[in-house]
């Protein structure tokens, strides 16, 4: 199993591109979309090296904005 920093995972899941993909491909419900634990477990997350995860997490924390991405979630 690959390692993931919790701050990177939080950033990735909250990134607008990831949110759009989750809503488009996985979420159910009309008023309040939800995702089951099983569906979330099966959702693939782009997982770069730990150094890249740290850089993305730090950059987003400083700016409050999602950093530019060259890969889509």
Protein backbone atom coordinates (compact mmCIF):
# COMPACT_ATOMS: atom_id res chain seq x y z
CA UNK A 1 0.00 0.00 0.00
CA UNK A 2 1.27 3.46 -0.90
CA UNK A 3 1.67 6.06 1.81
CA UNK A 4 -0.46 9.17 1.92
CA UNK A 5 -0.20 12.29 4.06
CA UNK A 6 -3.55 13.15 5.67
CA UNK A 7 -3.13 16.83 4.72
CA UNK A 8 -2.61 15.85 1.07
CA UNK A 9 -5.63 13.54 1.10
CA UNK A 10 -7.78 16.31 2.59
CA UNK A 11 -6.49 18.76 -0.03
CA UNK A 12 -7.10 16.26 -2.85
CA UNK A 13 -10.63 15.38 -1.74
CA UNK A 14 -11.56 19.05 -1.33
CA UNK A 15 -9.99 20.17 -4.63
CA UNK A 16 -12.68 21.48 -7.04
CA UNK A 17 -11.72 18.93 -9.72
CA UNK A 18 -11.96 16.04 -7.25
CA UNK A 19 -15.27 17.33 -5.90
CA UNK A 20 -16.70 17.55 -9.42
CA UNK A 21 -15.56 14.00 -10.20
CA UNK A 22 -17.00 12.65 -6.95
CA UNK A 23 -20.35 14.33 -7.57
CA UNK A 24 -20.43 13.32 -11.25
CA UNK A 25 -19.28 9.71 -10.84
CA UNK A 26 -20.14 8.57 -7.33
CA UNK A 27 -22.50 10.78 -5.30
CA UNK A 28 -26.15 9.92 -4.89
CA UNK A 29 -29.02 12.05 -3.72
CA UNK A 30 -30.50 15.23 -5.11
CA UNK A 31 -30.78 17.67 -2.22
CA UNK A 32 -27.71 16.59 -0.25
CA UNK A 33 -25.42 14.34 -2.28
CA UNK A 34 -23.74 11.59 -0.26
CA UNK A 35 -21.07 8.97 -0.83
CA UNK A 36 -21.05 5.68 1.03
CA UNK A 37 -17.88 4.45 2.74
CA UNK A 38 -17.63 1.57 0.27
CA UNK A 39 -17.84 3.95 -2.69
CA UNK A 40 -15.22 6.23 -1.16
CA UNK A 41 -12.95 3.24 -0.48
CA UNK A 42 -13.17 2.30 -4.17
CA UNK A 43 -12.49 5.86 -5.42
CA UNK A 44 -9.01 6.21 -6.92
CA UNK A 45 -6.82 9.02 -5.59
CA UNK A 46 -3.80 10.35 -7.47
CA UNK A 47 -0.94 9.52 -5.12
CA UNK A 48 2.42 11.15 -5.91
CA UNK A 49 5.64 10.78 -3.93
CA UNK A 50 5.55 12.01 -0.32
CA UNK A 51 7.70 15.06 -1.21
CA UNK A 52 5.13 16.13 -3.81
CA UNK A 53 2.28 15.52 -1.37
CA UNK A 54 4.00 17.77 1.18
CA UNK A 55 4.60 20.49 -1.42
CA UNK A 56 0.94 20.46 -2.56
CA UNK A 57 -0.33 20.51 1.04
CA UNK A 58 1.93 23.40 2.08
CA UNK A 59 1.18 25.45 -1.05
CA UNK A 60 -2.56 25.11 -0.62
CA UNK A 61 -2.41 25.91 3.11
CA UNK A 62 -0.45 29.11 2.43
CA UNK A 63 -2.56 30.41 -0.41
CA UNK A 64 -5.97 29.08 0.51
CA UNK A 65 -6.37 28.17 -3.16
CA UNK A 66 -5.82 24.85 -4.92
CA UNK A 67 -2.40 24.72 -6.60
CA UNK A 68 -2.22 24.17 -10.33
CA UNK A 69 -2.39 20.50 -11.25
CA UNK A 70 -0.98 18.74 -14.23
CA UNK A 71 -2.95 15.55 -13.61
CA UNK A 72 -6.67 15.26 -13.15
CA UNK A 73 -8.06 13.31 -10.21
